[in-house]
Amino acid sequence: MSRHRKKYAANVGKSWHETITRIEPPHLLAFTWDGGEAGEVTIELAAERDRTRLVLTHAGLRGPADARNFGGGWHAHLSVLQTRLAGGAVPDFWALHRESEARAAAALRE
């Protein structure tokens, strides 16, 4: 098991309780989890010609560690979504996550 994957091993089997804070089908969904301690996530969908634009906003982060962790995680998950929608495969999610988290960390240093 890679060191990066071990970092998240404590979450295997863990469950969260999400709370939907706003819903406007089919264009918007906002939610928190664990009482909103880690902020609120808003996902917005908008038609653009023959495509759909997805905008994910995670507000209310507790600091740089959250920005690095969640920024890397969301980027990795959205990259998987984009790849799968295009018919591709993701051979190693954890490598993608590690790269995404490193980019988020680098952006925070700027």
C-alpha atoms as a PDB file:
ATOM      1  CA  MET A   1       0.000   0.000   0.000  1.00  0.00           C
ATOM      2  CA  SER A   2       1.432   3.380  -0.981  1.00  0.00           C
ATOM      3  CA  ARG A   3       2.218   5.962   1.699  1.00  0.00           C
ATOM      4  CA  HIS A   4      -0.409   8.275   0.188  1.00  0.00           C
ATOM      5  CA  ARG A   5      -3.064   5.578   0.305  1.00  0.00           C
ATOM      6  CA  LYS A   6      -2.100   4.720   3.904  1.00  0.00           C
ATOM      7  CA  LYS A   7      -2.724   8.378   4.790  1.00  0.00           C
ATOM      8  CA  TYR A   8      -6.437   7.808   4.061  1.00  0.00           C
ATOM      9  CA  ALA A   9      -6.678   4.203   5.294  1.00  0.00           C
ATOM     10  CA  ALA A  10      -8.366   5.314   8.534  1.00  0.00           C
ATOM     11  CA  ASN A  11     -11.346   6.424   6.410  1.00  0.00           C
ATOM     12  CA  VAL A  12     -12.007   2.945   5.003  1.00  0.00           C
ATOM     13  CA  GLY A  13     -15.425   1.897   6.225  1.00  0.00           C
ATOM     14  CA  LYS A  14     -16.075   5.288   7.822  1.00  0.00           C
ATOM     15  CA  SER A  15     -19.416   6.896   7.178  1.00  0.00           C
ATOM     16  CA  TRP A  16     -20.411  10.528   7.106  1.00  0.00           C
ATOM     17  CA  HIS A  17     -23.725  12.226   7.596  1.00  0.00           C
ATOM     18  CA  GLU A  18     -24.414  14.748   4.861  1.00  0.00           C
ATOM     19  CA  THR A  19     -26.973  17.525   5.132  1.00  0.00           C
ATOM     20  CA  ILE A  20     -28.437  19.042   1.986  1.00  0.00           C
ATOM     21  CA  THR A  21     -28.498  22.781   2.561  1.00  0.00           C
ATOM     22  CA  ARG A  22     -29.880  23.837  -0.812  1.00  0.00           C
ATOM     23  CA  ILE A  23     -31.330  22.035  -3.792  1.00  0.00           C
ATOM     24  CA  GLU A  24     -32.617  23.434  -7.067  1.00  0.00           C
ATOM     25  CA  PRO A  25     -33.075  20.465  -9.428  1.00  0.00           C
ATOM     26  CA  PRO A  26     -31.522  19.937 -11.868  1.00  0.00           C
ATOM     27  CA  HIS A  27     -29.047  22.818 -11.576  1.00  0.00           C
ATOM     28  CA  LEU A  28     -27.792  23.109  -8.018  1.00  0.00           C
ATOM     29  CA  LEU A  29     -26.995  20.983  -4.993  1.00  0.00           C
ATOM     30  CA  ALA A  30     -25.306  22.237  -1.806  1.00  0.00           C
ATOM     31  CA  PHE A  31     -24.386  20.136   1.210  1.00  0.00           C
ATOM     32  CA  THR A  32     -22.305  19.855   4.347  1.00  0.00           C
ATOM     33  CA  TRP A  33     -21.221  16.838   6.350  1.00  0.00           C
ATOM     34  CA  ASP A  34     -20.337  16.196   9.965  1.00  0.00           C
ATOM     35  CA  GLY A  35     -22.199  19.295  11.118  1.00  0.00           C
ATOM     36  CA  GLY A  36     -20.630  21.613   8.555  1.00  0.00           C
ATOM     37  CA  GLU A  37     -17.235  21.655  10.285  1.00  0.00           C
ATOM     38  CA  ALA A  38     -15.429  21.376   6.943  1.00  0.00           C
ATOM     39  CA  GLY A  39     -17.502  23.971   5.131  1.00  0.00           C
ATOM     40  CA  GLU A  40     -20.172  23.693   2.470  1.00  0.00           C
ATOM     41  CA  VAL A  41     -19.904  22.242  -1.030  1.00  0.00           C
ATOM     42  CA  THR A  42     -22.031  23.645  -3.850  1.00  0.00           C
ATOM     43  CA  ILE A  43     -22.285  21.866  -7.202  1.00  0.00           C
ATOM     44  CA  GLU A  44     -23.816  23.838 -10.054  1.00  0.00           C
ATOM     45  CA  LEU A  45     -24.681  22.564 -13.543  1.00  0.00           C
ATOM     46  CA  ALA A  46     -25.279  24.855 -16.519  1.00  0.00           C
ATOM     47  CA  ALA A  47     -25.944  24.070 -20.171  1.00  0.00           C
ATOM     48  CA  GLU A  48     -23.373  25.490 -22.585  1.00  0.00           C
ATOM     49  CA  ARG A  49     -24.071  24.680 -26.227  1.00  0.00           C
ATOM     50  CA  ASP A  50     -23.852  20.872 -26.483  1.00  0.00           C
ATOM     51  CA  ARG A  51     -22.089  20.446 -23.125  1.00  0.00           C
ATOM     52  CA  THR A  52     -22.729  20.868 -19.425  1.00  0.00           C
ATOM     53  CA  ARG A  53     -20.514  23.034 -17.222  1.00  0.00           C
ATOM     54  CA  LEU A  54     -20.015  21.730 -13.689  1.00  0.00           C
ATOM     55  CA  VAL A  55     -18.810  24.219 -11.076  1.00  0.00           C
ATOM     56  CA  LEU A  56     -17.862  22.895  -7.652  1.00  0.00           C
ATOM     57  CA  THR A  57     -17.304  25.416  -4.862  1.00  0.00           C
ATOM     58  CA  HIS A  58     -16.131  24.348  -1.406  1.00  0.00           C
ATOM     59  CA  ALA A  59     -16.502  27.333   0.940  1.00  0.00           C
ATOM     60  CA  GLY A  60     -15.721  27.617   4.627  1.00  0.00           C
ATOM     61  CA  LEU A  61     -12.465  25.680   4.762  1.00  0.00           C
ATOM     62  CA  ARG A  62     -10.616  25.786   8.076  1.00  0.00           C
ATOM     63  CA  GLY A  63      -7.208  26.665   6.629  1.00  0.00           C
ATOM     64  CA  PRO A  64      -4.388  25.605   4.297  1.00  0.00           C
ATOM     65  CA  ALA A  65      -4.485  21.920   5.306  1.00  0.00           C
ATOM     66  CA  ASP A  66      -8.169  21.736   4.321  1.00  0.00           C
ATOM     67  CA  ALA A  67      -7.483  23.613   1.085  1.00  0.00           C
ATOM     68  CA  ARG A  68      -4.710  21.170   0.166  1.00  0.00           C
ATOM     69  CA  ASN A  69      -6.668  18.073   1.185  1.00  0.00           C
ATOM     70  CA  PHE A  70     -10.063  18.964  -0.230  1.00  0.00           C
ATOM     71  CA  GLY A  71      -8.596  20.789  -3.247  1.00  0.00           C
ATOM     72  CA  GLY A  72      -6.575  17.733  -4.180  1.00  0.00           C
ATOM     73  CA  GLY A  73      -9.473  15.391  -3.502  1.00  0.00           C
ATOM     74  CA  TRP A  74     -12.070  17.328  -5.473  1.00  0.00           C
ATOM     75  CA  HIS A  75      -9.678  17.794  -8.384  1.00  0.00           C
ATOM     76  CA  ALA A  76      -8.901  14.067  -8.442  1.00  0.00           C
ATOM     77  CA  HIS A  77     -12.571  13.072  -8.316  1.00  0.00           C
ATOM     78  CA  LEU A  78     -13.528  15.570 -11.028  1.00  0.00           C
ATOM     79  CA  SER A  79     -10.652  14.334 -13.205  1.00  0.00           C
ATOM     80  CA  VAL A  80     -11.974  10.785 -12.811  1.00  0.00           C
ATOM     81  CA  LEU A  81     -15.462  11.967 -13.790  1.00  0.00           C
ATOM     82  CA  GLN A  82     -14.132  13.750 -16.882  1.00  0.00           C
ATOM     83  CA  THR A  83     -12.035  10.741 -17.926  1.00  0.00           C
ATOM     84  CA  ARG A  84     -14.893   8.277 -17.419  1.00  0.00           C
ATOM     85  CA  LEU A  85     -17.384  10.474 -19.314  1.00  0.00           C
ATOM     86  CA  ALA A  86     -14.923  10.478 -22.221  1.00  0.00           C
ATOM     87  CA  GLY A  87     -14.864   6.664 -22.122  1.00  0.00           C
ATOM     88  CA  GLY A  88     -11.430   6.378 -20.533  1.00  0.00           C
ATOM     89  CA  ALA A  89     -10.150   4.458 -17.552  1.00  0.00           C
ATOM     90  CA  VAL A  90      -8.287   5.613 -14.463  1.00  0.00           C
ATOM     91  CA  PRO A  91      -5.646   3.003 -13.695  1.00  0.00           C
ATOM     92  CA  ASP A  92      -4.483   4.432 -10.341  1.00  0.00           C
ATOM     93  CA  PHE A  93      -6.773   6.810  -8.457  1.00  0.00           C
ATOM     94  CA  TRP A  94      -4.260   7.230  -5.641  1.00  0.00           C
ATOM     95  CA  ALA A  95      -1.509   8.387  -8.018  1.00  0.00           C
ATOM     96  CA  LEU A  96      -3.969  10.908  -9.488  1.00  0.00           C
ATOM     97  CA  HIS A  97      -4.970  12.029  -5.980  1.00  0.00           C
ATOM     98  CA  ARG A  98      -1.321  12.417  -4.922  1.00  0.00           C
ATOM     99  CA  GLU A  99      -0.589  14.564  -7.998  1.00  0.00           C
ATOM    100  CA  SER A 100      -3.725  16.665  -7.428  1.00  0.00           C
ATOM    101  CA  GLU A 101      -2.878  17.233  -3.784  1.00  0.00           C
ATOM    102  CA  ALA A 102       0.676  18.274  -4.735  1.00  0.00           C
ATOM    103  CA  ARG A 103      -0.717  20.816  -7.232  1.00  0.00           C
ATOM    104  CA  ALA A 104      -3.065  22.196  -4.563  1.00  0.00           C
ATOM    105  CA  ALA A 105      -0.159  22.495  -2.124  1.00  0.00           C
ATOM    106  CA  ALA A 106       1.968  24.283  -4.742  1.00  0.00           C
ATOM    107  CA  ALA A 107      -0.854  26.715  -5.505  1.00  0.00           C
ATOM    108  CA  LEU A 108      -1.133  27.590  -1.814  1.00  0.00           C
ATOM    109  CA  ARG A 109       2.564  28.518  -1.682  1.00  0.00           C
ATOM    110  CA  GLU A 110       2.119  31.121  -4.421  1.00  0.00           C
END
